[in-house]
Amino acid sequence: MSVVIRVRVPRKLKKELVELEIDYTKEIKKFLARRVREEKAKKTAREVEEFKSRLKPIRGNLSVEFIREDRDA
């Protein structure tokens, strides 16, 4: 279901949009969808950084240990 969002713009801007045949409704929808994606990405990045800050440091070089362990097996 859709909802209506009203935006006031200067009369001159509206006139120019019409003259240039710009589908401002479509442009506004694309802009808002892009902004939502950007903000979600920022939020996810902050959450990942917060999670990483709570992790304990890894001791030594685990890849070397795993390889040696695998060779010895």
Protein backbone atom coordinates (compact mmCIF):
# COMPACT_ATOMS: atom_id res chain seq x y z
CA MET A 1 0.00 0.00 0.00
CA SER A 2 1.24 3.47 -0.82
CA VAL A 3 1.13 6.64 1.23
CA VAL A 4 1.29 10.26 0.17
CA ILE A 5 4.23 12.48 1.10
CA ARG A 6 3.78 16.15 0.32
CA VAL A 7 6.70 18.39 -0.50
CA ARG A 8 6.59 22.14 -1.01
CA VAL A 9 8.89 23.47 -3.70
CA PRO A 10 9.23 26.95 -5.13
CA ARG A 11 6.81 27.68 -7.96
CA LYS A 12 9.72 28.42 -10.30
CA LEU A 13 11.25 24.99 -9.65
CA LYS A 14 7.95 23.24 -10.35
CA LYS A 15 7.59 25.22 -13.58
CA GLU A 16 11.10 24.24 -14.69
CA LEU A 17 10.45 20.57 -13.89
CA VAL A 18 7.34 20.64 -16.06
CA GLU A 19 9.06 22.56 -18.87
CA LEU A 20 11.94 20.08 -18.91
CA GLU A 21 9.51 17.17 -18.77
CA ILE A 22 11.18 15.75 -15.69
CA ASP A 23 9.13 13.06 -13.99
CA TYR A 24 9.70 14.50 -10.54
CA THR A 25 7.56 11.87 -8.84
CA LYS A 26 9.79 9.13 -10.21
CA GLU A 27 12.93 11.12 -9.37
CA ILE A 28 11.82 11.67 -5.77
CA LYS A 29 10.97 7.98 -5.34
CA LYS A 30 14.40 6.95 -6.69
CA PHE A 31 16.15 9.48 -4.47
CA LEU A 32 14.33 8.34 -1.33
CA ALA A 33 14.95 4.66 -2.10
CA ARG A 34 18.67 5.37 -2.61
CA ARG A 35 18.86 7.32 0.67
CA VAL A 36 17.22 4.46 2.54
CA ARG A 37 19.75 1.99 1.07
CA GLU A 38 22.63 4.30 2.02
CA GLU A 39 21.41 4.73 5.59
CA LYS A 40 20.85 0.99 6.00
CA ALA A 41 24.40 0.37 4.76
CA LYS A 42 25.77 2.93 7.23
CA LYS A 43 23.79 1.35 10.06
CA THR A 44 25.06 -2.12 9.15
CA ALA A 45 28.64 -0.84 8.98
CA ARG A 46 28.28 0.71 12.46
CA GLU A 47 26.87 -2.56 13.81
CA VAL A 48 29.74 -4.55 12.28
CA GLU A 49 32.31 -2.16 13.76
CA GLU A 50 30.63 -2.43 17.16
CA PHE A 51 30.67 -6.23 16.91
CA LYS A 52 34.34 -6.23 15.84
CA SER A 53 35.28 -4.03 18.78
CA ARG A 54 33.90 -6.68 21.16
CA LEU A 55 35.95 -9.50 19.65
CA LYS A 56 39.10 -10.64 21.38
CA PRO A 57 42.34 -10.40 19.42
CA ILE A 58 43.52 -13.59 17.74
CA ARG A 59 46.75 -14.90 19.19
CA GLY A 60 49.69 -15.65 16.90
CA ASN A 61 49.27 -16.82 13.36
CA LEU A 62 46.40 -19.28 13.34
CA SER A 63 46.76 -20.13 9.65
CA VAL A 64 50.28 -21.43 10.27
CA GLU A 65 49.06 -23.47 13.23
CA PHE A 66 46.20 -24.95 11.20
CA ILE A 67 48.52 -25.90 8.33
CA ARG A 68 51.02 -27.56 10.67
CA GLU A 69 48.24 -29.37 12.48
CA ASP A 70 46.84 -30.60 9.16
CA ARG A 71 50.26 -31.80 7.98
CA ASP A 72 50.88 -33.66 11.23
CA ALA A 73 47.55 -35.46 11.03
